[in-house]
């Protein structure tokens, strides 16, 4: 598994292959320009992005998030799990219930 880091902060982890992880995580980073975490920007669009092997803790967070998913499909597409809270997502989830 691989992790996207911005300014030394782990942002997301994926189970994509090494070959696909960089493109996948960098495409997600582009979307982070418009999102916030804890009231601050996640990415300013210029800070360097780092793609590295995930730590054991990040793999555990990925596995826990995957177990929480109710989706029963056996999808072979790579999965990305955010390691930070994204402002506004919790409110959107509550609205759907």
PDB file of N, CA and C in Angstrom:
ATOM      1  N   UNK A   1       0.842  -1.176   0.000  1.00  0.00           N
ATOM      2  CA  UNK A   1       0.000   0.000   0.000  1.00  0.00           C
ATOM      3  C   UNK A   1       0.885   1.235   0.000  1.00  0.00           C
ATOM      4  N   UNK A   2       0.292   2.341  -0.476  1.00  0.00           N
ATOM      5  CA  UNK A   2       1.039   3.581  -0.617  1.00  0.00           C
ATOM      6  C   UNK A   2       0.252   4.742  -0.023  1.00  0.00           C
ATOM      7  N   UNK A   3       1.000   5.722   0.478  1.00  0.00           N
ATOM      8  CA  UNK A   3       0.423   6.874   1.165  1.00  0.00           C
ATOM      9  C   UNK A   3       0.811   8.162   0.448  1.00  0.00           C
ATOM     10  N   UNK A   4      -0.149   9.085   0.367  1.00  0.00           N
ATOM     11  CA  UNK A   4       0.092  10.435  -0.124  1.00  0.00           C
ATOM     12  C   UNK A   4       0.388  11.325   1.073  1.00  0.00           C
ATOM     13  N   UNK A   5       1.516  12.013   1.017  1.00  0.00           N
ATOM     14  CA  UNK A   5       1.898  12.969   2.046  1.00  0.00           C
ATOM     15  C   UNK A   5       2.014  14.347   1.432  1.00  0.00           C
ATOM     16  N   UNK A   6       1.530  15.348   2.172  1.00  0.00           N
ATOM     17  CA  UNK A   6       1.698  16.740   1.776  1.00  0.00           C
ATOM     18  C   UNK A   6       2.315  17.455   2.967  1.00  0.00           C
ATOM     19  N   UNK A   7       3.465  18.061   2.745  1.00  0.00           N
ATOM     20  CA  UNK A   7       4.182  18.756   3.822  1.00  0.00           C
ATOM     21  C   UNK A   7       4.371  17.868   5.049  1.00  0.00           C
ATOM     22  N   UNK A   8       4.688  16.601   4.835  1.00  0.00           N
ATOM     23  CA  UNK A   8       4.945  15.680   5.932  1.00  0.00           C
ATOM     24  C   UNK A   8       3.715  15.134   6.615  1.00  0.00           C
ATOM     25  N   UNK A   9       2.536  15.481   6.123  1.00  0.00           N
ATOM     26  CA  UNK A   9       1.271  15.026   6.718  1.00  0.00           C
ATOM     27  C   UNK A   9       0.664  13.939   5.836  1.00  0.00           C
ATOM     28  N   UNK A  10       0.413  12.770   6.427  1.00  0.00           N
ATOM     29  CA  UNK A  10      -0.205  11.677   5.688  1.00  0.00           C
ATOM     30  C   UNK A  10      -1.669  12.038   5.425  1.00  0.00           C
ATOM     31  N   UNK A  11      -2.051  12.011   4.147  1.00  0.00           N
ATOM     32  CA  UNK A  11      -3.386  12.452   3.740  1.00  0.00           C
ATOM     33  C   UNK A  11      -4.288  11.278   3.379  1.00  0.00           C
ATOM     34  N   UNK A  12      -3.771  10.347   2.579  1.00  0.00           N
ATOM     35  CA  UNK A  12      -4.591   9.237   2.090  1.00  0.00           C
ATOM     36  C   UNK A  12      -3.709   8.033   1.826  1.00  0.00           C
ATOM     37  N   UNK A  13      -4.336   6.864   1.870  1.00  0.00           N
ATOM     38  CA  UNK A  13      -3.632   5.613   1.597  1.00  0.00           C
ATOM     39  C   UNK A  13      -4.437   4.831   0.566  1.00  0.00           C
ATOM     40  N   UNK A  14      -3.739   4.089  -0.295  1.00  0.00           N
ATOM     41  CA  UNK A  14      -4.409   3.301  -1.328  1.00  0.00           C
ATOM     42  C   UNK A  14      -3.824   1.904  -1.410  1.00  0.00           C
ATOM     43  N   UNK A  15      -4.647   1.000  -1.902  1.00  0.00           N
ATOM     44  CA  UNK A  15      -4.195  -0.365  -2.140  1.00  0.00           C
ATOM     45  C   UNK A  15      -3.814  -0.570  -3.608  1.00  0.00           C
ATOM     46  N   UNK A  16      -3.663   0.528  -4.335  1.00  0.00           N
ATOM     47  CA  UNK A  16      -3.264   0.450  -5.748  1.00  0.00           C
ATOM     48  C   UNK A  16      -1.860  -0.137  -5.848  1.00  0.00           C
ATOM     49  N   UNK A  17      -1.570  -0.700  -6.994  1.00  0.00           N
ATOM     50  CA  UNK A  17      -0.221  -1.211  -7.239  1.00  0.00           C
ATOM     51  C   UNK A  17       0.757  -0.046  -7.244  1.00  0.00           C
ATOM     52  N   UNK A  18       2.014  -0.354  -7.056  1.00  0.00           N
ATOM     53  CA  UNK A  18       3.030   0.694  -7.060  1.00  0.00           C
ATOM     54  C   UNK A  18       2.975   1.498  -8.359  1.00  0.00           C
ATOM     55  N   UNK A  19       2.733   0.790  -9.448  1.00  0.00           N
ATOM     56  CA  UNK A  19       2.662   1.421 -10.772  1.00  0.00           C
ATOM     57  C   UNK A  19       1.537   2.458 -10.847  1.00  0.00           C
ATOM     58  N   UNK A  20       0.392   2.161 -10.220  1.00  0.00           N
ATOM     59  CA  UNK A  20      -0.782   3.029 -10.324  1.00  0.00           C
ATOM     60  C   UNK A  20      -0.934   4.022  -9.175  1.00  0.00           C
ATOM     61  N   UNK A  21      -0.262   3.778  -8.056  1.00  0.00           N
ATOM     62  CA  UNK A  21      -0.472   4.588  -6.856  1.00  0.00           C
ATOM     63  C   UNK A  21      -0.144   6.057  -7.076  1.00  0.00           C
ATOM     64  N   UNK A  22       0.955   6.352  -7.736  1.00  0.00           N
ATOM     65  CA  UNK A  22       1.353   7.752  -7.926  1.00  0.00           C
ATOM     66  C   UNK A  22       0.298   8.525  -8.699  1.00  0.00           C
ATOM     67  N   UNK A  23      -0.134   8.005  -9.830  1.00  0.00           N
ATOM     68  CA  UNK A  23      -1.141   8.705 -10.627  1.00  0.00           C
ATOM     69  C   UNK A  23      -2.445   8.859  -9.858  1.00  0.00           C
ATOM     70  N   UNK A  24      -2.863   7.807  -9.183  1.00  0.00           N
ATOM     71  CA  UNK A  24      -4.124   7.836  -8.446  1.00  0.00           C
ATOM     72  C   UNK A  24      -4.075   8.860  -7.316  1.00  0.00           C
ATOM     73  N   UNK A  25      -3.028   8.815  -6.513  1.00  0.00           N
ATOM     74  CA  UNK A  25      -2.950   9.726  -5.377  1.00  0.00           C
ATOM     75  C   UNK A  25      -2.731  11.163  -5.810  1.00  0.00           C
ATOM     76  N   UNK A  26      -1.968  11.372  -6.864  1.00  0.00           N
ATOM     77  CA  UNK A  26      -1.795  12.752  -7.354  1.00  0.00           C
ATOM     78  C   UNK A  26      -3.101  13.305  -7.921  1.00  0.00           C
ATOM     79  N   UNK A  27      -3.920  12.463  -8.547  1.00  0.00           N
ATOM     80  CA  UNK A  27      -5.205  12.945  -9.066  1.00  0.00           C
ATOM     81  C   UNK A  27      -6.136  13.340  -7.926  1.00  0.00           C
ATOM     82  N   UNK A  28      -6.049  12.640  -6.813  1.00  0.00           N
ATOM     83  CA  UNK A  28      -6.854  12.987  -5.644  1.00  0.00           C
ATOM     84  C   UNK A  28      -6.367  14.300  -5.042  1.00  0.00           C
ATOM     85  N   UNK A  29      -5.063  14.490  -5.018  1.00  0.00           N
ATOM     86  CA  UNK A  29      -4.505  15.722  -4.461  1.00  0.00           C
ATOM     87  C   UNK A  29      -5.045  16.940  -5.193  1.00  0.00           C
ATOM     88  N   UNK A  30      -5.196  16.848  -6.501  1.00  0.00           N
ATOM     89  CA  UNK A  30      -5.741  17.971  -7.273  1.00  0.00           C
ATOM     90  C   UNK A  30      -7.113  18.381  -6.730  1.00  0.00           C
ATOM     91  N   UNK A  31      -7.903  17.421  -6.294  1.00  0.00           N
ATOM     92  CA  UNK A  31      -9.229  17.711  -5.754  1.00  0.00           C
ATOM     93  C   UNK A  31      -9.145  18.323  -4.359  1.00  0.00           C
ATOM     94  N   UNK A  32      -8.042  18.079  -3.656  1.00  0.00           N
ATOM     95  CA  UNK A  32      -7.898  18.577  -2.293  1.00  0.00           C
ATOM     96  C   UNK A  32      -7.716  20.083  -2.215  1.00  0.00           C
ATOM     97  N   UNK A  33      -7.396  20.720  -3.329  1.00  0.00           N
ATOM     98  CA  UNK A  33      -7.227  22.173  -3.336  1.00  0.00           C
ATOM     99  C   UNK A  33      -8.498  22.862  -2.840  1.00  0.00           C
ATOM    100  N   UNK A  34      -9.656  22.296  -3.168  1.00  0.00           N
ATOM    101  CA  UNK A  34     -10.930  22.911  -2.818  1.00  0.00           C
ATOM    102  C   UNK A  34     -11.498  22.443  -1.486  1.00  0.00           C
ATOM    103  N   UNK A  35     -10.808  21.513  -0.812  1.00  0.00           N
ATOM    104  CA  UNK A  35     -11.313  20.964   0.448  1.00  0.00           C
ATOM    105  C   UNK A  35     -10.486  21.457   1.620  1.00  0.00           C
ATOM    106  N   UNK A  36     -11.095  21.358   2.817  1.00  0.00           N
ATOM    107  CA  UNK A  36     -10.405  21.744   4.042  1.00  0.00           C
ATOM    108  C   UNK A  36     -10.475  20.620   5.061  1.00  0.00           C
ATOM    109  N   UNK A  37      -9.515  20.639   5.976  1.00  0.00           N
ATOM    110  CA  UNK A  37      -9.495  19.726   7.110  1.00  0.00           C
ATOM    111  C   UNK A  37      -9.202  20.558   8.350  1.00  0.00           C
ATOM    112  N   UNK A  38     -10.059  20.448   9.324  1.00  0.00           N
ATOM    113  CA  UNK A  38      -9.927  21.212  10.564  1.00  0.00           C
ATOM    114  C   UNK A  38      -9.819  22.704  10.280  1.00  0.00           C
ATOM    115  N   UNK A  39     -10.568  23.170   9.292  1.00  0.00           N
ATOM    116  CA  UNK A  39     -10.635  24.581   8.969  1.00  0.00           C
ATOM    117  C   UNK A  39      -9.489  25.126   8.138  1.00  0.00           C
ATOM    118  N   UNK A  40      -8.548  24.275   7.770  1.00  0.00           N
ATOM    119  CA  UNK A  40      -7.413  24.735   6.978  1.00  0.00           C
ATOM    120  C   UNK A  40      -7.312  24.010   5.657  1.00  0.00           C
ATOM    121  N   UNK A  41      -6.580  24.632   4.728  1.00  0.00           N
ATOM    122  CA  UNK A  41      -6.381  24.010   3.416  1.00  0.00           C
ATOM    123  C   UNK A  41      -5.633  22.688   3.568  1.00  0.00           C
ATOM    124  N   UNK A  42      -6.001  21.719   2.755  1.00  0.00           N
ATOM    125  CA  UNK A  42      -5.290  20.452   2.741  1.00  0.00           C
ATOM    126  C   UNK A  42      -4.064  20.563   1.850  1.00  0.00           C
ATOM    127  N   UNK A  43      -4.249  21.190   0.688  1.00  0.00           N
ATOM    128  CA  UNK A  43      -3.131  21.372  -0.239  1.00  0.00           C
ATOM    129  C   UNK A  43      -3.256  22.733  -0.885  1.00  0.00           C
ATOM    130  N   UNK A  44      -2.153  23.437  -0.960  1.00  0.00           N
ATOM    131  CA  UNK A  44      -2.160  24.769  -1.563  1.00  0.00           C
ATOM    132  C   UNK A  44      -1.912  24.727  -3.070  1.00  0.00           C
ATOM    133  N   UNK A  45      -1.713  23.553  -3.603  1.00  0.00           N
ATOM    134  CA  UNK A  45      -1.489  23.403  -5.035  1.00  0.00           C
ATOM    135  C   UNK A  45      -0.035  23.527  -5.441  1.00  0.00           C
ATOM    136  N   UNK A  46       0.816  23.923  -4.505  1.00  0.00           N
ATOM    137  CA  UNK A  46       2.228  24.075  -4.842  1.00  0.00           C
ATOM    138  C   UNK A  46       3.162  23.244  -3.964  1.00  0.00           C
ATOM    139  N   UNK A  47       2.748  22.932  -2.757  1.00  0.00           N
ATOM    140  CA  UNK A  47       3.594  22.130  -1.865  1.00  0.00           C
ATOM    141  C   UNK A  47       3.872  20.781  -2.505  1.00  0.00           C
ATOM    142  N   UNK A  48       5.073  20.253  -2.301  1.00  0.00           N
ATOM    143  CA  UNK A  48       5.410  18.970  -2.912  1.00  0.00           C
ATOM    144  C   UNK A  48       4.544  17.826  -2.377  1.00  0.00           C
ATOM    145  N   UNK A  49       4.205  16.939  -3.279  1.00  0.00           N
ATOM    146  CA  UNK A  49       3.480  15.723  -2.922  1.00  0.00           C
ATOM    147  C   UNK A  49       4.496  14.594  -2.818  1.00  0.00           C
ATOM    148  N   UNK A  50       4.333  13.764  -1.807  1.00  0.00           N
ATOM    149  CA  UNK A  50       5.210  12.617  -1.638  1.00  0.00           C
ATOM    150  C   UNK A  50       4.358  11.356  -1.634  1.00  0.00           C
ATOM    151  N   UNK A  51       4.753  10.402  -2.438  1.00  0.00           N
ATOM    152  CA  UNK A  51       4.103   9.097  -2.444  1.00  0.00           C
ATOM    153  C   UNK A  51       5.127   8.125  -1.872  1.00  0.00           C
ATOM    154  N   UNK A  52       4.740   7.434  -0.801  1.00  0.00           N
ATOM    155  CA  UNK A  52       5.660   6.502  -0.151  1.00  0.00           C
ATOM    156  C   UNK A  52       4.909   5.252   0.291  1.00  0.00           C
ATOM    157  N   UNK A  53       5.655   4.234   0.657  1.00  0.00           N
ATOM    158  CA  UNK A  53       5.033   3.022   1.190  1.00  0.00           C
ATOM    159  C   UNK A  53       4.299   3.369   2.478  1.00  0.00           C
ATOM    160  N   UNK A  54       3.126   2.781   2.655  1.00  0.00           N
ATOM    161  CA  UNK A  54       2.318   3.033   3.846  1.00  0.00           C
ATOM    162  C   UNK A  54       2.948   2.373   5.068  1.00  0.00           C
ATOM    163  N   UNK A  55       2.797   3.025   6.215  1.00  0.00           N
ATOM    164  CA  UNK A  55       3.253   2.454   7.478  1.00  0.00           C
ATOM    165  C   UNK A  55       2.249   1.402   7.947  1.00  0.00           C
ATOM    166  N   UNK A  56       2.631   0.625   8.936  1.00  0.00           N
ATOM    167  CA  UNK A  56       1.714  -0.367   9.502  1.00  0.00           C
ATOM    168  C   UNK A  56       0.452   0.290  10.048  1.00  0.00           C
ATOM    169  N   UNK A  57       0.598   1.467  10.668  1.00  0.00           N
ATOM    170  CA  UNK A  57      -0.562   2.174  11.219  1.00  0.00           C
ATOM    171  C   UNK A  57      -1.508   2.631  10.108  1.00  0.00           C
ATOM    172  N   UNK A  58      -0.948   3.083   9.007  1.00  0.00           N
ATOM    173  CA  UNK A  58      -1.774   3.525   7.883  1.00  0.00           C
ATOM    174  C   UNK A  58      -2.487   2.344   7.229  1.00  0.00           C
ATOM    175  N   UNK A  59      -1.814   1.210   7.136  1.00  0.00           N
ATOM    176  CA  UNK A  59      -2.447  -0.004   6.600  1.00  0.00           C
ATOM    177  C   UNK A  59      -3.586  -0.429   7.519  1.00  0.00           C
ATOM    178  N   UNK A  60      -3.373  -0.350   8.832  1.00  0.00           N
ATOM    179  CA  UNK A  60      -4.422  -0.711   9.787  1.00  0.00           C
ATOM    180  C   UNK A  60      -5.625   0.222   9.646  1.00  0.00           C
ATOM    181  N   UNK A  61      -5.383   1.523   9.456  1.00  0.00           N
ATOM    182  CA  UNK A  61      -6.472   2.482   9.264  1.00  0.00           C
ATOM    183  C   UNK A  61      -7.239   2.167   7.984  1.00  0.00           C
ATOM    184  N   UNK A  62      -6.514   1.786   6.935  1.00  0.00           N
ATOM    185  CA  UNK A  62      -7.143   1.400   5.671  1.00  0.00           C
ATOM    186  C   UNK A  62      -8.035   0.181   5.895  1.00  0.00           C
ATOM    187  N   UNK A  63      -7.489  -0.830   6.550  1.00  0.00           N
ATOM    188  CA  UNK A  63      -8.243  -2.065   6.790  1.00  0.00           C
ATOM    189  C   UNK A  63      -9.488  -1.801   7.630  1.00  0.00           C
ATOM    190  N   UNK A  64      -9.361  -0.939   8.637  1.00  0.00           N
ATOM    191  CA  UNK A  64     -10.506  -0.616   9.484  1.00  0.00           C
ATOM    192  C   UNK A  64     -11.595   0.095   8.688  1.00  0.00           C
ATOM    193  N   UNK A  65     -11.200   1.032   7.844  1.00  0.00           N
ATOM    194  CA  UNK A  65     -12.169   1.752   7.015  1.00  0.00           C
ATOM    195  C   UNK A  65     -12.851   0.805   6.038  1.00  0.00           C
ATOM    196  N   UNK A  66     -12.100  -0.109   5.489  1.00  0.00           N
ATOM    197  CA  UNK A  66     -12.666  -1.084   4.555  1.00  0.00           C
ATOM    198  C   UNK A  66     -13.679  -1.979   5.248  1.00  0.00           C
ATOM    199  N   UNK A  67     -13.426  -2.364   6.497  1.00  0.00           N
ATOM    200  CA  UNK A  67     -14.366  -3.211   7.234  1.00  0.00           C
ATOM    201  C   UNK A  67     -15.641  -2.460   7.550  1.00  0.00           C
ATOM    202  N   UNK A  68     -15.531  -1.124   7.722  1.00  0.00           N
ATOM    203  CA  UNK A  68     -16.702  -0.303   8.025  1.00  0.00           C
ATOM    204  C   UNK A  68     -17.613  -0.119   6.819  1.00  0.00           C
ATOM    205  N   UNK A  69     -17.080  -0.304   5.619  1.00  0.00           N
ATOM    206  CA  UNK A  69     -17.875  -0.122   4.406  1.00  0.00           C
ATOM    207  C   UNK A  69     -18.928  -1.217   4.307  1.00  0.00           C
ATOM    208  N   UNK A  70     -20.135  -0.810   3.938  1.00  0.00           N
ATOM    209  CA  UNK A  70     -21.221  -1.767   3.789  1.00  0.00           C
ATOM    210  C   UNK A  70     -21.345  -2.281   2.364  1.00  0.00           C
ATOM    211  N   UNK A  71     -20.534  -1.729   1.473  1.00  0.00           N
ATOM    212  CA  UNK A  71     -20.582  -2.112   0.068  1.00  0.00           C
ATOM    213  C   UNK A  71     -20.145  -3.561  -0.077  1.00  0.00           C
ATOM    214  N   UNK A  72     -20.999  -4.392  -0.629  1.00  0.00           N
ATOM    215  CA  UNK A  72     -20.720  -5.815  -0.737  1.00  0.00           C
ATOM    216  C   UNK A  72     -20.107  -6.199  -2.076  1.00  0.00           C
ATOM    217  N   UNK A  73     -19.956  -5.216  -2.972  1.00  0.00           N
ATOM    218  CA  UNK A  73     -19.413  -5.531  -4.288  1.00  0.00           C
ATOM    219  C   UNK A  73     -17.972  -5.965  -4.193  1.00  0.00           C
ATOM    220  N   UNK A  74     -17.597  -6.896  -5.049  1.00  0.00           N
ATOM    221  CA  UNK A  74     -16.213  -7.332  -5.134  1.00  0.00           C
ATOM    222  C   UNK A  74     -15.540  -6.534  -6.239  1.00  0.00           C
ATOM    223  N   UNK A  75     -15.259  -5.285  -5.955  1.00  0.00           N
ATOM    224  CA  UNK A  75     -14.694  -4.382  -6.942  1.00  0.00           C
ATOM    225  C   UNK A  75     -13.179  -4.524  -6.960  1.00  0.00           C
ATOM    226  N   UNK A  76     -12.611  -4.650  -8.134  1.00  0.00           N
ATOM    227  CA  UNK A  76     -11.168  -4.809  -8.250  1.00  0.00           C
ATOM    228  C   UNK A  76     -10.446  -3.482  -8.420  1.00  0.00           C
ATOM    229  N   UNK A  77     -11.183  -2.375  -8.499  1.00  0.00           N
ATOM    230  CA  UNK A  77     -10.552  -1.068  -8.625  1.00  0.00           C
ATOM    231  C   UNK A  77      -9.833  -0.718  -7.323  1.00  0.00           C
ATOM    232  N   UNK A  78      -8.748   0.032  -7.425  1.00  0.00           N
ATOM    233  CA  UNK A  78      -8.056   0.449  -6.203  1.00  0.00           C
ATOM    234  C   UNK A  78      -8.955   1.298  -5.322  1.00  0.00           C
ATOM    235  N   UNK A  79      -8.723   1.212  -4.040  1.00  0.00           N
ATOM    236  CA  UNK A  79      -9.488   1.960  -3.052  1.00  0.00           C
ATOM    237  C   UNK A  79      -8.561   2.987  -2.425  1.00  0.00           C
ATOM    238  N   UNK A  80      -9.102   4.173  -2.138  1.00  0.00           N
ATOM    239  CA  UNK A  80      -8.366   5.213  -1.435  1.00  0.00           C
ATOM    240  C   UNK A  80      -9.117   5.520  -0.145  1.00  0.00           C
ATOM    241  N   UNK A  81      -8.380   5.570   0.955  1.00  0.00           N
ATOM    242  CA  UNK A  81      -8.949   5.907   2.254  1.00  0.00           C
ATOM    243  C   UNK A  81      -8.232   7.156   2.759  1.00  0.00           C
ATOM    244  N   UNK A  82      -9.010   8.174   3.128  1.00  0.00           N
ATOM    245  CA  UNK A  82      -8.421   9.377   3.691  1.00  0.00           C
ATOM    246  C   UNK A  82      -8.025   9.122   5.133  1.00  0.00           C
ATOM    247  N   UNK A  83      -6.869   9.609   5.499  1.00  0.00           N
ATOM    248  CA  UNK A  83      -6.349   9.456   6.848  1.00  0.00           C
ATOM    249  C   UNK A  83      -6.623  10.696   7.696  1.00  0.00           C
ATOM    250  N   UNK A  84      -7.239  11.690   7.092  1.00  0.00           N
ATOM    251  CA  UNK A  84      -7.598  12.928   7.784  1.00  0.00           C
ATOM    252  C   UNK A  84      -9.097  13.137   7.641  1.00  0.00           C
ATOM    253  N   UNK A  85      -9.653  13.938   8.538  1.00  0.00           N
ATOM    254  CA  UNK A  85     -11.056  14.314   8.409  1.00  0.00           C
ATOM    255  C   UNK A  85     -11.166  15.412   7.362  1.00  0.00           C
ATOM    256  N   UNK A  86     -12.154  15.281   6.497  1.00  0.00           N
ATOM    257  CA  UNK A  86     -12.434  16.293   5.485  1.00  0.00           C
ATOM    258  C   UNK A  86     -13.629  17.093   5.979  1.00  0.00           C
ATOM    259  N   UNK A  87     -13.458  18.406   6.151  1.00  0.00           N
ATOM    260  CA  UNK A  87     -14.547  19.245   6.650  1.00  0.00           C
ATOM    261  C   UNK A  87     -15.773  19.117   5.761  1.00  0.00           C
ATOM    262  N   UNK A  88     -16.926  18.955   6.391  1.00  0.00           N
ATOM    263  CA  UNK A  88     -18.186  18.893   5.669  1.00  0.00           C
ATOM    264  C   UNK A  88     -18.635  17.496   5.295  1.00  0.00           C
ATOM    265  N   UNK A  89     -17.751  16.526   5.253  1.00  0.00           N
ATOM    266  CA  UNK A  89     -18.163  15.182   4.842  1.00  0.00           C
ATOM    267  C   UNK A  89     -19.048  14.507   5.876  1.00  0.00           C
ATOM    268  N   UNK A  90     -18.788  14.729   7.156  1.00  0.00           N
ATOM    269  CA  UNK A  90     -19.611  14.108   8.195  1.00  0.00           C
ATOM    270  C   UNK A  90     -21.036  14.624   8.123  1.00  0.00           C
ATOM    271  N   UNK A  91     -21.188  15.938   7.867  1.00  0.00           N
ATOM    272  CA  UNK A  91     -22.506  16.532   7.748  1.00  0.00           C
ATOM    273  C   UNK A  91     -23.247  15.960   6.555  1.00  0.00           C
ATOM    274  N   UNK A  92     -22.546  15.762   5.423  1.00  0.00           N
ATOM    275  CA  UNK A  92     -23.172  15.190   4.240  1.00  0.00           C
ATOM    276  C   UNK A  92     -23.631  13.772   4.518  1.00  0.00           C
ATOM    277  N   UNK A  93     -22.832  12.978   5.249  1.00  0.00           N
ATOM    278  CA  UNK A  93     -23.207  11.611   5.573  1.00  0.00           C
ATOM    279  C   UNK A  93     -24.461  11.580   6.426  1.00  0.00           C
ATOM    280  N   UNK A  94     -24.588  12.509   7.386  1.00  0.00           N
ATOM    281  CA  UNK A  94     -25.747  12.551   8.241  1.00  0.00           C
ATOM    282  C   UNK A  94     -26.997  12.916   7.454  1.00  0.00           C
ATOM    283  N   UNK A  95     -26.872  13.803   6.468  1.00  0.00           N
ATOM    284  CA  UNK A  95     -28.007  14.212   5.656  1.00  0.00           C
ATOM    285  C   UNK A  95     -28.576  13.061   4.847  1.00  0.00           C
ATOM    286  N   UNK A  96     -27.730  12.093   4.487  1.00  0.00           N
ATOM    287  CA  UNK A  96     -28.169  10.966   3.671  1.00  0.00           C
ATOM    288  C   UNK A  96     -28.972   9.948   4.450  1.00  0.00           C
ATOM    289  N   UNK A  97     -28.841   9.923   5.793  1.00  0.00           N
ATOM    290  CA  UNK A  97     -29.543   8.940   6.615  1.00  0.00           C
ATOM    291  C   UNK A  97     -30.996   9.251   6.775  1.00  0.00           C
TER     292      UNK A  97
END
